[in-house]
C-alpha cells in the first residue's frame, strides 16, 4: 500500500509543479505587458501642460496641432477675466509677432496660427516638447505673459 501512496504523492507534486510553471509564465508575460515593454515608447504626456488654469490664456482643452514644418495652430481660451489681444507667440527657438493682434473676448476661444518653429521640422512619429509663451495685452495696454508646454508627437 505504501507504493500506491508514494505514486499518488508524486503525481500530485508533478501536477502542482506543471501548473506552478504555467502560472509563473502567465504572471511574467502579464507584468511585461502591464509595464508596456512590448509597446513603442511614448512621448512626454501629450497635451498642453504647465499653463495657469485661472487668470490667463491657455490652449483650450489641449486643442493644438504642430505640423511637421513646425507651424502651430492653437485654440486659445481667454480665462483672464477681461477682453484681451494676443500680440506675440514665442517658442524655445523662435518668436513671432502676429501681424495684427488677435482679439479674444472674456471666456471666448479663438484659433491662432503661428509660424513659430516648434522643435524644428520633425519627422512623422518624432516626439516634441516645447515651451511656449503667449504675450497678450488688456484694453489698458498692459502686456501680460502666459507660459506652458506643448507636448506630443508629429
Foldseek 3Di string as FASTA:
>chain_A
DVVVVVVVVVVVVVVVVVVVVVVVVVVVVVVCVVVVVVPDDFWPPAAWDDWDPALAKDFPPRPKDAALQQKIKGWIFARNQAKKWWAKKDKPVGIDGDPGTHIDGHGGIDIDIDNHRFPHRDDAFDKGKIKMKIWMAGPVGDIDIIIIIGIDGD
